[in-house]
C-alpha atoms as a PDB file:
ATOM      1  CA  MET A   1     -79.981  -8.395  42.156  1.00  0.00           C
ATOM      2  CA  THR A   2     -83.284  -6.546  41.974  1.00  0.00           C
ATOM      3  CA  GLU A   3     -81.899  -3.661  44.029  1.00  0.00           C
ATOM      4  CA  ALA A   4     -78.673  -1.708  43.671  1.00  0.00           C
ATOM      5  CA  PRO A   5     -76.187  -1.705  46.549  1.00  0.00           C
ATOM      6  CA  VAL A   6     -76.823   1.217  48.904  1.00  0.00           C
ATOM      7  CA  LEU A   7     -74.180   3.928  49.031  1.00  0.00           C
ATOM      8  CA  PRO A   8     -73.384   4.718  52.712  1.00  0.00           C
ATOM      9  CA  ASP A   9     -73.358   8.459  51.976  1.00  0.00           C
ATOM     10  CA  GLY A  10     -72.733  10.864  49.114  1.00  0.00           C
ATOM     11  CA  GLU A  11     -74.109  11.197  45.597  1.00  0.00           C
ATOM     12  CA  VAL A  12     -74.814   8.261  43.258  1.00  0.00           C
ATOM     13  CA  VAL A  13     -73.049   8.890  39.929  1.00  0.00           C
ATOM     14  CA  ALA A  14     -73.603   5.532  38.172  1.00  0.00           C
ATOM     15  CA  GLN A  15     -75.915   2.623  38.886  1.00  0.00           C
ATOM     16  CA  ALA A  16     -77.069  -0.639  37.316  1.00  0.00           C
ATOM     17  CA  VAL A  17     -79.480  -3.282  38.618  1.00  0.00           C
ATOM     18  CA  ASN A  18     -80.232  -6.875  37.612  1.00  0.00           C
ATOM     19  CA  VAL A  19     -77.677  -7.013  34.776  1.00  0.00           C
ATOM     20  CA  THR A  20     -76.069 -10.007  33.086  1.00  0.00           C
ATOM     21  CA  GLY A  21     -73.006  -9.846  30.867  1.00  0.00           C
ATOM     22  CA  ASN A  22     -70.919  -6.753  30.193  1.00  0.00           C
ATOM     23  CA  ARG A  23     -71.854  -3.102  30.579  1.00  0.00           C
ATOM     24  CA  GLU A  24     -70.134   0.296  30.483  1.00  0.00           C
ATOM     25  CA  MET A  25     -71.640   3.213  32.412  1.00  0.00           C
ATOM     26  CA  GLU A  26     -70.775   6.889  32.242  1.00  0.00           C
ATOM     27  CA  ILE A  27     -69.913   8.540  35.567  1.00  0.00           C
ATOM     28  CA  ARG A  28     -72.338  11.484  35.699  1.00  0.00           C
ATOM     29  CA  GLY A  29     -70.494  14.779  35.989  1.00  0.00           C
ATOM     30  CA  GLY A  30     -67.103  13.194  35.358  1.00  0.00           C
ATOM     31  CA  ILE A  31     -64.597  12.243  38.011  1.00  0.00           C
ATOM     32  CA  THR A  32     -63.999  14.768  40.766  1.00  0.00           C
ATOM     33  CA  ALA A  33     -61.067  15.051  43.149  1.00  0.00           C
ATOM     34  CA  GLY A  34     -61.781  13.171  46.365  1.00  0.00           C
ATOM     35  CA  PRO A  35     -63.347   9.795  47.138  1.00  0.00           C
ATOM     36  CA  LEU A  36     -64.977   7.539  44.543  1.00  0.00           C
ATOM     37  CA  SER A  37     -66.825   4.502  45.933  1.00  0.00           C
ATOM     38  CA  ILE A  38     -67.770   1.376  43.992  1.00  0.00           C
ATOM     39  CA  LEU A  39     -70.194  -1.174  45.513  1.00  0.00           C
ATOM     40  CA  VAL A  40     -70.942  -4.416  43.657  1.00  0.00           C
ATOM     41  CA  ASN A  41     -73.188  -7.415  44.355  1.00  0.00           C
ATOM     42  CA  CYS A  42     -73.244 -10.526  42.186  1.00  0.00           C
ATOM     43  CA  GLN A  43     -74.703 -14.014  42.056  1.00  0.00           C
ATOM     44  CA  GLY A  44     -73.895 -16.926  39.762  1.00  0.00           C
ATOM     45  CA  ARG A  45     -70.737 -18.825  38.917  1.00  0.00           C
ATOM     46  CA  GLY A  46     -67.738 -16.886  37.636  1.00  0.00           C
ATOM     47  CA  THR A  47     -65.512 -13.879  38.112  1.00  0.00           C
ATOM     48  CA  LEU A  48     -66.796 -10.367  37.507  1.00  0.00           C
ATOM     49  CA  THR A  49     -64.245  -7.592  36.825  1.00  0.00           C
ATOM     50  CA  VAL A  50     -64.884  -3.885  37.446  1.00  0.00           C
ATOM     51  CA  SER A  51     -62.739  -1.221  35.732  1.00  0.00           C
ATOM     52  CA  VAL A  52     -62.762   2.556  36.245  1.00  0.00           C
ATOM     53  CA  GLU A  53     -61.267   4.661  33.459  1.00  0.00           C
ATOM     54  CA  PRO A  54     -59.296   6.800  32.943  1.00  0.00           C
ATOM     55  CA  VAL A  55     -57.923   6.220  36.473  1.00  0.00           C
ATOM     56  CA  GLY A  56     -56.863   2.627  35.739  1.00  0.00           C
ATOM     57  CA  LEU A  57     -58.552   0.977  38.731  1.00  0.00           C
ATOM     58  CA  SER A  58     -59.546  -2.635  38.169  1.00  0.00           C
ATOM     59  CA  PHE A  59     -60.654  -5.312  40.620  1.00  0.00           C
ATOM     60  CA  PRO A  60     -62.263  -8.777  40.458  1.00  0.00           C
ATOM     61  CA  LEU A  61     -65.162 -10.227  42.435  1.00  0.00           C
ATOM     62  CA  GLU A  62     -65.645 -13.990  42.604  1.00  0.00           C
ATOM     63  CA  CYS A  63     -69.351 -14.746  42.246  1.00  0.00           C
ATOM     64  CA  VAL A  64     -70.938 -17.900  43.685  1.00  0.00           C
ATOM     65  CA  GLU A  65     -74.019 -19.823  42.595  1.00  0.00           C
ATOM     66  CA  GLY A  66     -76.873 -19.521  45.130  1.00  0.00           C
ATOM     67  CA  GLU A  67     -75.206 -16.754  47.194  1.00  0.00           C
ATOM     68  CA  VAL A  68     -74.802 -13.006  46.902  1.00  0.00           C
ATOM     69  CA  SER A  69     -71.154 -11.921  46.851  1.00  0.00           C
ATOM     70  CA  SER A  70     -70.379  -8.275  47.635  1.00  0.00           C
ATOM     71  CA  THR A  71     -67.448  -5.895  47.577  1.00  0.00           C
ATOM     72  CA  PHE A  72     -66.856  -2.239  48.403  1.00  0.00           C
ATOM     73  CA  ASN A  73     -63.877  -0.308  47.038  1.00  0.00           C
ATOM     74  CA  GLN A  74     -63.103   3.342  47.625  1.00  0.00           C
ATOM     75  CA  LEU A  75     -60.276   5.346  46.142  1.00  0.00           C
ATOM     76  CA  SER A  76     -59.217   8.900  46.803  1.00  0.00           C
ATOM     77  CA  LEU A  77     -58.460  10.785  43.608  1.00  0.00           C
ATOM     78  CA  LYS A  78     -56.084  13.729  43.628  1.00  0.00           C
ATOM     79  CA  ARG A  79     -57.327  15.353  40.417  1.00  0.00           C
ATOM     80  CA  ALA A  80     -60.566  15.678  38.500  1.00  0.00           C
ATOM     81  CA  ARG A  81     -61.201  14.381  34.985  1.00  0.00           C
ATOM     82  CA  ASP A  82     -63.863  15.657  32.595  1.00  0.00           C
ATOM     83  CA  HIS A  83     -65.360  12.234  32.118  1.00  0.00           C
ATOM     84  CA  GLY A  84     -65.071   8.719  33.446  1.00  0.00           C
ATOM     85  CA  THR A  85     -66.603   5.295  32.993  1.00  0.00           C
ATOM     86  CA  VAL A  86     -67.248   2.244  35.124  1.00  0.00           C
ATOM     87  CA  SER A  87     -67.139  -0.999  33.139  1.00  0.00           C
ATOM     88  CA  VAL A  88     -68.157  -4.466  34.270  1.00  0.00           C
ATOM     89  CA  SER A  89     -67.133  -7.655  32.492  1.00  0.00           C
ATOM     90  CA  ALA A  90     -69.040 -10.718  33.638  1.00  0.00           C
ATOM     91  CA  PRO A  91     -69.931 -14.163  32.310  1.00  0.00           C
ATOM     92  CA  SER A  92     -73.485 -14.434  30.958  1.00  0.00           C
ATOM     93  CA  GLY A  93     -74.506 -16.668  33.888  1.00  0.00           C
ATOM     94  CA  VAL A  94     -73.622 -14.011  36.481  1.00  0.00           C
ATOM     95  CA  ARG A  95     -76.277 -11.503  37.557  1.00  0.00           C
ATOM     96  CA  TRP A  96     -74.972  -8.286  39.138  1.00  0.00           C
ATOM     97  CA  ALA A  97     -75.819  -4.815  40.487  1.00  0.00           C
ATOM     98  CA  LEU A  98     -73.474  -1.852  40.981  1.00  0.00           C
ATOM     99  CA  THR A  99     -73.541   1.592  42.571  1.00  0.00           C
ATOM    100  CA  ALA A 100     -70.800   4.191  42.150  1.00  0.00           C
ATOM    101  CA  GLY A 101     -70.789   7.362  44.211  1.00  0.00           C
ATOM    102  CA  ARG A 102     -68.798  10.293  45.484  1.00  0.00           C
END
C-alpha cells in the first residue's frame, strides 16, 4: 500500500496511502454535481468500510492476508454540496490506500 490507486481520469480530491485503522478525509472543494469515483486497495485480514458523507454512500471491501484486494465505485451526483468527507473504518491489522476523484 505504498502507492495510492490511480484514478483513470479526472481530478484527485482526496487521497491516503499506507494507512492502518480509521481515517476521515475532507473532499477538496466539496462535492460537485457529476461523477465521484472512489478507488480502494487493502491488504490484511478483515473488512474495510468506506463512507461518503453527506451523500450516504457506504460500501465494504473484504481484505485478505497476503493479497491486495481492490474496488472501484463511481456514483453520479445530481447536486453539489459545500463540503464532503470520505471515511474509512478498518481493523488495525488492515493496511489500505484510497483515491477519490471527480
